Amino acid sequence: MDKRILCQSLFTFDNFFLKKYFSHYLYPYEIVSEIKNIARSIVNCGIEGYVLLSPGVLIGQNVKIADTAMIDGPTIIGSDCEIRHGAYIRGGVILGRGCIVGNSSEIKDSLLLDGAKAPHFNYVGNSVLGNGAHLGAGAICSNLKSDGKDVVIRGERLEINTGLRKLGAVLGDGVEIGCGAVLCPGTVIGKNTSVYPLIITRGYYPEGSIVKDTYSVVKKEAASE
């Protein structure tokens, strides 16, 4: 067991319905493998105060959805979320409270915790975005290796074969991703870490860091000295 990539090390499940369904998972890639089934179960069971927007799509209160957005089920959209012009939610998606899926962004088989944002030209596939995580314009969570093999999470003294052919990125609470960054399959980024624009990331990056290049990482405290 590697504590660095445990769910409890990366994010919290304070939201009442997210805590019910996800707090028992050890690793985030286990969530990704079950996300569509969980979304379907939530739609079938319902959530107090939520209503069906269309078959398979359950939404909370004060949700704003542009007429040009496309939403397939099973999908749950939490209260106070905003789905903007041209957004495409392909199903197997669960959004917590106050999330944003913006212009020309595409989301599939992913969990976005409270306040996570994919606001401009983003692709989020088979991924988990922590509370308050933010993708800069054009940032991509790539979910499939070019050779089609299982995704392996790698880092210092870390190598975990997830057994998943499709796995995107896992972003801890408060992670900031710069514009145009490409997160390779199996990227895991710890809490409150920032990634420079136009960076290609792969493997594990520790919390509280600044990622300046694929293999150039500094602690935020050191960078401010």
C-alpha atoms as a PDB file:
ATOM      1  CA  MET A   1       0.000   0.000   0.000  1.00  0.00           C
ATOM      2  CA  ASP A   2       1.448   3.359  -1.051  1.00  0.00           C
ATOM      3  CA  LYS A   3      -0.010   6.178   1.049  1.00  0.00           C
ATOM      4  CA  ARG A   4       0.942   8.806  -1.528  1.00  0.00           C
ATOM      5  CA  ILE A   5      -1.763   7.750  -3.942  1.00  0.00           C
ATOM      6  CA  LEU A   6      -4.479   6.710  -1.513  1.00  0.00           C
ATOM      7  CA  CYS A   7      -7.799   8.492  -1.909  1.00  0.00           C
ATOM      8  CA  GLN A   8      -7.532   9.827   1.661  1.00  0.00           C
ATOM      9  CA  SER A   9      -4.177  11.416   0.797  1.00  0.00           C
ATOM     10  CA  LEU A  10      -5.480  13.090  -2.349  1.00  0.00           C
ATOM     11  CA  PHE A  11      -8.955  14.381  -1.559  1.00  0.00           C
ATOM     12  CA  THR A  12     -11.874  14.457   0.865  1.00  0.00           C
ATOM     13  CA  PHE A  13     -15.464  13.403   0.323  1.00  0.00           C
ATOM     14  CA  ASP A  14     -17.323  16.053   2.328  1.00  0.00           C
ATOM     15  CA  ASN A  15     -20.289  16.133  -0.045  1.00  0.00           C
ATOM     16  CA  PHE A  16     -23.032  13.982   1.501  1.00  0.00           C
ATOM     17  CA  PHE A  17     -23.811  11.785  -1.501  1.00  0.00           C
ATOM     18  CA  LEU A  18     -20.213  11.518  -2.699  1.00  0.00           C
ATOM     19  CA  LYS A  19     -19.113  10.411   0.765  1.00  0.00           C
ATOM     20  CA  LYS A  20     -21.774   7.694   0.747  1.00  0.00           C
ATOM     21  CA  TYR A  21     -20.606   6.177  -2.518  1.00  0.00           C
ATOM     22  CA  PHE A  22     -16.856   6.810  -2.590  1.00  0.00           C
ATOM     23  CA  SER A  23     -15.338   7.128   0.892  1.00  0.00           C
ATOM     24  CA  HIS A  24     -14.594   3.385   1.174  1.00  0.00           C
ATOM     25  CA  TYR A  25     -12.303   3.211  -1.887  1.00  0.00           C
ATOM     26  CA  LEU A  26      -8.567   2.921  -1.221  1.00  0.00           C
ATOM     27  CA  TYR A  27      -7.196   3.982  -4.601  1.00  0.00           C
ATOM     28  CA  PRO A  28      -8.702   6.449  -7.096  1.00  0.00           C
ATOM     29  CA  TYR A  29      -8.250   4.118 -10.064  1.00  0.00           C
ATOM     30  CA  GLU A  30     -10.701   1.765  -8.330  1.00  0.00           C
ATOM     31  CA  ILE A  31     -13.252   4.578  -8.478  1.00  0.00           C
ATOM     32  CA  VAL A  32     -12.632   5.092 -12.183  1.00  0.00           C
ATOM     33  CA  SER A  33     -13.300   1.442 -12.970  1.00  0.00           C
ATOM     34  CA  GLU A  34     -16.710   1.665 -11.274  1.00  0.00           C
ATOM     35  CA  ILE A  35     -17.783   5.211 -12.058  1.00  0.00           C
ATOM     36  CA  LYS A  36     -20.380   4.391 -14.707  1.00  0.00           C
ATOM     37  CA  ASN A  37     -22.023   1.694 -12.578  1.00  0.00           C
ATOM     38  CA  ILE A  38     -22.074   4.023  -9.574  1.00  0.00           C
ATOM     39  CA  ALA A  39     -23.583   6.836 -11.645  1.00  0.00           C
ATOM     40  CA  ARG A  40     -26.286   4.486 -12.897  1.00  0.00           C
ATOM     41  CA  SER A  41     -27.014   3.338  -9.332  1.00  0.00           C
ATOM     42  CA  ILE A  42     -27.323   6.904  -8.078  1.00  0.00           C
ATOM     43  CA  VAL A  43     -29.704   7.803 -10.899  1.00  0.00           C
ATOM     44  CA  ASN A  44     -31.841   4.761 -10.127  1.00  0.00           C
ATOM     45  CA  CYS A  45     -31.897   5.413  -6.363  1.00  0.00           C
ATOM     46  CA  GLY A  46     -32.264   9.182  -6.620  1.00  0.00           C
ATOM     47  CA  ILE A  47     -31.010  11.908  -4.291  1.00  0.00           C
ATOM     48  CA  GLU A  48     -33.248  14.028  -2.105  1.00  0.00           C
ATOM     49  CA  GLY A  49     -33.757  17.417  -3.734  1.00  0.00           C
ATOM     50  CA  TYR A  50     -32.484  16.243  -7.131  1.00  0.00           C
ATOM     51  CA  VAL A  51     -34.677  15.836 -10.233  1.00  0.00           C
ATOM     52  CA  LEU A  52     -34.399  14.068 -13.575  1.00  0.00           C
ATOM     53  CA  LEU A  53     -33.482  16.464 -16.352  1.00  0.00           C
ATOM     54  CA  SER A  54     -33.827  13.693 -18.932  1.00  0.00           C
ATOM     55  CA  PRO A  55     -33.584   9.887 -18.853  1.00  0.00           C
ATOM     56  CA  GLY A  56     -30.412   8.989 -16.982  1.00  0.00           C
ATOM     57  CA  VAL A  57     -29.506  12.581 -16.054  1.00  0.00           C
ATOM     58  CA  LEU A  58     -30.057  13.681 -12.445  1.00  0.00           C
ATOM     59  CA  ILE A  59     -29.473  17.296 -11.412  1.00  0.00           C
ATOM     60  CA  GLY A  60     -29.431  19.233  -8.156  1.00  0.00           C
ATOM     61  CA  GLN A  61     -30.688  22.717  -7.366  1.00  0.00           C
ATOM     62  CA  ASN A  62     -29.576  25.983  -8.997  1.00  0.00           C
ATOM     63  CA  VAL A  63     -27.897  24.236 -11.927  1.00  0.00           C
ATOM     64  CA  LYS A  64     -27.244  26.329 -15.048  1.00  0.00           C
ATOM     65  CA  ILE A  65     -27.161  24.446 -18.351  1.00  0.00           C
ATOM     66  CA  ALA A  66     -26.656  26.154 -21.720  1.00  0.00           C
ATOM     67  CA  ASP A  67     -29.069  25.199 -24.484  1.00  0.00           C
ATOM     68  CA  THR A  68     -26.102  24.139 -26.621  1.00  0.00           C
ATOM     69  CA  ALA A  69     -24.720  21.659 -24.066  1.00  0.00           C
ATOM     70  CA  MET A  70     -25.041  17.911 -24.747  1.00  0.00           C
ATOM     71  CA  ILE A  71     -25.523  15.595 -21.767  1.00  0.00           C
ATOM     72  CA  ASP A  72     -25.779  11.801 -21.974  1.00  0.00           C
ATOM     73  CA  GLY A  73     -26.568   9.529 -19.046  1.00  0.00           C
ATOM     74  CA  PRO A  74     -25.860   8.151 -16.635  1.00  0.00           C
ATOM     75  CA  THR A  75     -24.827  11.539 -15.265  1.00  0.00           C
ATOM     76  CA  ILE A  76     -25.294  13.329 -11.946  1.00  0.00           C
ATOM     77  CA  ILE A  77     -24.848  17.097 -11.825  1.00  0.00           C
ATOM     78  CA  GLY A  78     -24.554  18.529  -8.334  1.00  0.00           C
ATOM     79  CA  SER A  79     -26.215  21.667  -7.035  1.00  0.00           C
ATOM     80  CA  ASP A  80     -24.869  25.044  -8.201  1.00  0.00           C
ATOM     81  CA  CYS A  81     -23.000  23.547 -11.160  1.00  0.00           C
ATOM     82  CA  GLU A  82     -22.671  25.362 -14.473  1.00  0.00           C
ATOM     83  CA  ILE A  83     -22.632  23.570 -17.824  1.00  0.00           C
ATOM     84  CA  ARG A  84     -21.661  26.140 -20.428  1.00  0.00           C
ATOM     85  CA  HIS A  85     -22.020  26.566 -24.179  1.00  0.00           C
ATOM     86  CA  GLY A  86     -20.860  23.633 -26.257  1.00  0.00           C
ATOM     87  CA  ALA A  87     -20.027  21.357 -23.310  1.00  0.00           C
ATOM     88  CA  TYR A  88     -20.303  17.613 -23.967  1.00  0.00           C
ATOM     89  CA  ILE A  89     -20.888  15.222 -21.073  1.00  0.00           C
ATOM     90  CA  ARG A  90     -20.734  11.708 -22.501  1.00  0.00           C
ATOM     91  CA  GLY A  91     -22.078   9.734 -19.541  1.00  0.00           C
ATOM     92  CA  GLY A  92     -20.590   7.915 -16.600  1.00  0.00           C
ATOM     93  CA  VAL A  93     -20.034  11.347 -15.064  1.00  0.00           C
ATOM     94  CA  ILE A  94     -20.611  12.566 -11.515  1.00  0.00           C
ATOM     95  CA  LEU A  95     -20.187  16.241 -10.641  1.00  0.00           C
ATOM     96  CA  GLY A  96     -20.171  17.463  -7.049  1.00  0.00           C
ATOM     97  CA  ARG A  97     -21.408  20.897  -5.991  1.00  0.00           C
ATOM     98  CA  GLY A  98     -20.340  24.038  -7.800  1.00  0.00           C
ATOM     99  CA  CYS A  99     -18.463  22.407 -10.675  1.00  0.00           C
ATOM    100  CA  ILE A 100     -17.972  24.018 -14.091  1.00  0.00           C
ATOM    101  CA  VAL A 101     -17.877  22.220 -17.435  1.00  0.00           C
ATOM    102  CA  GLY A 102     -17.224  24.931 -19.960  1.00  0.00           C
ATOM    103  CA  ASN A 103     -16.975  25.873 -23.583  1.00  0.00           C
ATOM    104  CA  SER A 104     -16.165  22.879 -25.812  1.00  0.00           C
ATOM    105  CA  SER A 105     -15.060  20.754 -22.845  1.00  0.00           C
ATOM    106  CA  GLU A 106     -15.737  17.019 -23.007  1.00  0.00           C
ATOM    107  CA  ILE A 107     -16.129  14.797 -19.940  1.00  0.00           C
ATOM    108  CA  LYS A 108     -16.632  11.022 -19.824  1.00  0.00           C
ATOM    109  CA  ASP A 109     -16.431   8.311 -17.157  1.00  0.00           C
ATOM    110  CA  SER A 110     -15.097  10.783 -14.593  1.00  0.00           C
ATOM    111  CA  LEU A 111     -15.712  12.131 -11.104  1.00  0.00           C
ATOM    112  CA  LEU A 112     -15.370  15.842 -10.361  1.00  0.00           C
ATOM    113  CA  LEU A 113     -15.503  16.672  -6.667  1.00  0.00           C
ATOM    114  CA  ASP A 114     -16.943  19.921  -5.288  1.00  0.00           C
ATOM    115  CA  GLY A 115     -15.760  23.042  -7.066  1.00  0.00           C
ATOM    116  CA  ALA A 116     -13.688  21.260  -9.728  1.00  0.00           C
ATOM    117  CA  LYS A 117     -13.528  23.126 -13.025  1.00  0.00           C
ATOM    118  CA  ALA A 118     -12.914  22.185 -16.656  1.00  0.00           C
ATOM    119  CA  PRO A 119     -13.965  25.527 -18.132  1.00  0.00           C
ATOM    120  CA  HIS A 120     -12.319  25.924 -21.559  1.00  0.00           C
ATOM    121  CA  PHE A 121     -11.553  23.392 -24.309  1.00  0.00           C
ATOM    122  CA  ASN A 122     -10.693  20.558 -21.901  1.00  0.00           C
ATOM    123  CA  TYR A 123     -10.889  16.792 -22.295  1.00  0.00           C
ATOM    124  CA  VAL A 124     -11.397  14.761 -19.121  1.00  0.00           C
ATOM    125  CA  GLY A 125     -11.576  11.011 -19.689  1.00  0.00           C
ATOM    126  CA  ASN A 126     -11.644   8.286 -16.999  1.00  0.00           C
ATOM    127  CA  SER A 127     -10.315  10.718 -14.416  1.00  0.00           C
ATOM    128  CA  VAL A 128     -10.880  12.052 -10.902  1.00  0.00           C
ATOM    129  CA  LEU A 129     -10.589  15.786 -10.182  1.00  0.00           C
ATOM    130  CA  GLY A 130     -10.377  16.724  -6.516  1.00  0.00           C
ATOM    131  CA  ASN A 131     -12.164  19.509  -4.670  1.00  0.00           C
ATOM    132  CA  GLY A 132     -11.362  22.858  -6.259  1.00  0.00           C
ATOM    133  CA  ALA A 133      -9.067  21.356  -8.908  1.00  0.00           C
ATOM    134  CA  HIS A 134      -8.814  23.583 -11.967  1.00  0.00           C
ATOM    135  CA  LEU A 135      -7.825  22.863 -15.564  1.00  0.00           C
ATOM    136  CA  GLY A 136      -6.397  25.760 -17.556  1.00  0.00           C
ATOM    137  CA  ALA A 137      -7.673  26.347 -21.083  1.00  0.00           C
ATOM    138  CA  GLY A 138      -6.875  23.471 -23.407  1.00  0.00           C
ATOM    139  CA  ALA A 139      -5.529  21.144 -20.692  1.00  0.00           C
ATOM    140  CA  ILE A 140      -6.086  17.488 -21.573  1.00  0.00           C
ATOM    141  CA  CYS A 141      -6.465  14.414 -19.359  1.00  0.00           C
ATOM    142  CA  SER A 142      -5.386  11.712 -21.804  1.00  0.00           C
ATOM    143  CA  ASN A 143      -6.827   8.306 -20.925  1.00  0.00           C
ATOM    144  CA  LEU A 144      -5.408   5.775 -23.413  1.00  0.00           C
ATOM    145  CA  LYS A 145      -1.813   4.733 -24.081  1.00  0.00           C
ATOM    146  CA  SER A 146      -0.705   4.654 -27.702  1.00  0.00           C
ATOM    147  CA  ASP A 147       0.096   0.925 -27.403  1.00  0.00           C
ATOM    148  CA  GLY A 148      -3.286   0.155 -25.794  1.00  0.00           C
ATOM    149  CA  LYS A 149      -1.677  -1.622 -22.818  1.00  0.00           C
ATOM    150  CA  ASP A 150      -2.777  -1.316 -19.177  1.00  0.00           C
ATOM    151  CA  VAL A 151      -1.959   1.975 -17.491  1.00  0.00           C
ATOM    152  CA  VAL A 152       0.827   1.832 -14.901  1.00  0.00           C
ATOM    153  CA  ILE A 153       1.261   4.564 -12.268  1.00  0.00           C
ATOM    154  CA  ARG A 154       4.968   5.229 -11.769  1.00  0.00           C
ATOM    155  CA  GLY A 155       7.038   7.369  -9.447  1.00  0.00           C
ATOM    156  CA  GLU A 156       9.935   7.188  -7.017  1.00  0.00           C
ATOM    157  CA  ARG A 157       9.757   3.672  -5.550  1.00  0.00           C
ATOM    158  CA  LEU A 158       6.308   3.374  -7.078  1.00  0.00           C
ATOM    159  CA  GLU A 159       4.965   1.140  -9.823  1.00  0.00           C
ATOM    160  CA  ILE A 160       1.325   0.066  -9.792  1.00  0.00           C
ATOM    161  CA  ASN A 161      -0.319  -1.730 -12.680  1.00  0.00           C
ATOM    162  CA  THR A 162      -3.913  -0.530 -12.443  1.00  0.00           C
ATOM    163  CA  GLY A 163      -5.250  -3.248 -14.719  1.00  0.00           C
ATOM    164  CA  LEU A 164      -7.120  -0.544 -16.612  1.00  0.00           C
ATOM    165  CA  ARG A 165      -6.726   0.041 -20.331  1.00  0.00           C
ATOM    166  CA  LYS A 166      -8.266   3.487 -19.876  1.00  0.00           C
ATOM    167  CA  LEU A 167      -7.204   5.731 -17.017  1.00  0.00           C
ATOM    168  CA  GLY A 168      -6.725   9.464 -17.271  1.00  0.00           C
ATOM    169  CA  ALA A 169      -5.474  11.777 -14.526  1.00  0.00           C
ATOM    170  CA  VAL A 170      -6.070  11.909 -10.786  1.00  0.00           C
ATOM    171  CA  LEU A 171      -5.821  15.435  -9.376  1.00  0.00           C
ATOM    172  CA  GLY A 172      -5.798  16.032  -5.641  1.00  0.00           C
ATOM    173  CA  ASP A 173      -7.704  18.816  -3.911  1.00  0.00           C
ATOM    174  CA  GLY A 174      -6.646  22.285  -4.996  1.00  0.00           C
ATOM    175  CA  VAL A 175      -4.484  21.241  -7.960  1.00  0.00           C
ATOM    176  CA  GLU A 176      -3.941  23.897 -10.641  1.00  0.00           C
ATOM    177  CA  ILE A 177      -3.126  22.815 -14.198  1.00  0.00           C
ATOM    178  CA  GLY A 178      -1.698  25.378 -16.617  1.00  0.00           C
ATOM    179  CA  CYS A 179      -3.083  26.095 -20.059  1.00  0.00           C
ATOM    180  CA  GLY A 180      -2.293  23.560 -22.753  1.00  0.00           C
ATOM    181  CA  ALA A 181      -0.833  20.949 -20.396  1.00  0.00           C
ATOM    182  CA  VAL A 182      -1.191  17.285 -21.392  1.00  0.00           C
ATOM    183  CA  LEU A 183      -1.612  14.834 -18.525  1.00  0.00           C
ATOM    184  CA  CYS A 184      -0.557  11.398 -19.763  1.00  0.00           C
ATOM    185  CA  PRO A 185      -2.528   8.285 -18.745  1.00  0.00           C
ATOM    186  CA  GLY A 186      -1.958   7.433 -15.089  1.00  0.00           C
ATOM    187  CA  THR A 187      -0.784  10.884 -13.990  1.00  0.00           C
ATOM    188  CA  VAL A 188      -1.417  11.403 -10.257  1.00  0.00           C
ATOM    189  CA  ILE A 189      -0.902  14.875  -8.778  1.00  0.00           C
ATOM    190  CA  GLY A 190      -0.942  15.495  -5.029  1.00  0.00           C
ATOM    191  CA  LYS A 191      -2.913  18.183  -3.218  1.00  0.00           C
ATOM    192  CA  ASN A 192      -2.280  21.880  -3.914  1.00  0.00           C
ATOM    193  CA  THR A 193       0.312  21.272  -6.607  1.00  0.00           C
ATOM    194  CA  SER A 194       0.587  23.594  -9.609  1.00  0.00           C
ATOM    195  CA  VAL A 195       1.607  22.552 -13.116  1.00  0.00           C
ATOM    196  CA  TYR A 196       3.142  25.038 -15.564  1.00  0.00           C
ATOM    197  CA  PRO A 197       1.443  25.655 -18.933  1.00  0.00           C
ATOM    198  CA  LEU A 198       2.334  23.454 -21.924  1.00  0.00           C
ATOM    199  CA  ILE A 199       3.854  20.738 -19.733  1.00  0.00           C
ATOM    200  CA  ILE A 200       3.560  16.997 -20.421  1.00  0.00           C
ATOM    201  CA  THR A 201       3.101  15.143 -17.134  1.00  0.00           C
ATOM    202  CA  ARG A 202       3.505  11.423 -16.443  1.00  0.00           C
ATOM    203  CA  GLY A 203       3.536   9.419 -13.229  1.00  0.00           C
ATOM    204  CA  TYR A 204       3.210  10.721  -9.654  1.00  0.00           C
ATOM    205  CA  TYR A 205       3.876  14.287  -8.473  1.00  0.00           C
ATOM    206  CA  PRO A 206       3.936  15.087  -4.731  1.00  0.00           C
ATOM    207  CA  GLU A 207       1.576  17.495  -2.996  1.00  0.00           C
ATOM    208  CA  GLY A 208       2.500  21.113  -2.416  1.00  0.00           C
ATOM    209  CA  SER A 209       4.815  21.269  -5.425  1.00  0.00           C
ATOM    210  CA  ILE A 210       5.360  23.219  -8.623  1.00  0.00           C
ATOM    211  CA  VAL A 211       5.820  21.148 -11.770  1.00  0.00           C
ATOM    212  CA  LYS A 212       8.005  23.184 -14.109  1.00  0.00           C
ATOM    213  CA  ASP A 213       8.669  20.421 -16.620  1.00  0.00           C
ATOM    214  CA  THR A 214       7.979  16.688 -16.903  1.00  0.00           C
ATOM    215  CA  TYR A 215      10.832  15.797 -14.543  1.00  0.00           C
ATOM    216  CA  SER A 216      11.480  19.192 -12.929  1.00  0.00           C
ATOM    217  CA  VAL A 217       9.591  19.539  -9.651  1.00  0.00           C
ATOM    218  CA  VAL A 218      10.207  21.881  -6.701  1.00  0.00           C
ATOM    219  CA  LYS A 219       8.416  22.318  -3.391  1.00  0.00           C
ATOM    220  CA  LYS A 220       6.374  25.507  -3.214  1.00  0.00           C
ATOM    221  CA  GLU A 221       8.149  26.554  -0.004  1.00  0.00           C
ATOM    222  CA  ALA A 222      11.550  26.253  -1.695  1.00  0.00           C
ATOM    223  CA  ALA A 223      10.362  28.167  -4.743  1.00  0.00           C
ATOM    224  CA  SER A 224       9.302  31.135  -2.581  1.00  0.00           C
ATOM    225  CA  GLU A 225      12.598  31.429  -0.721  1.00  0.00           C
END
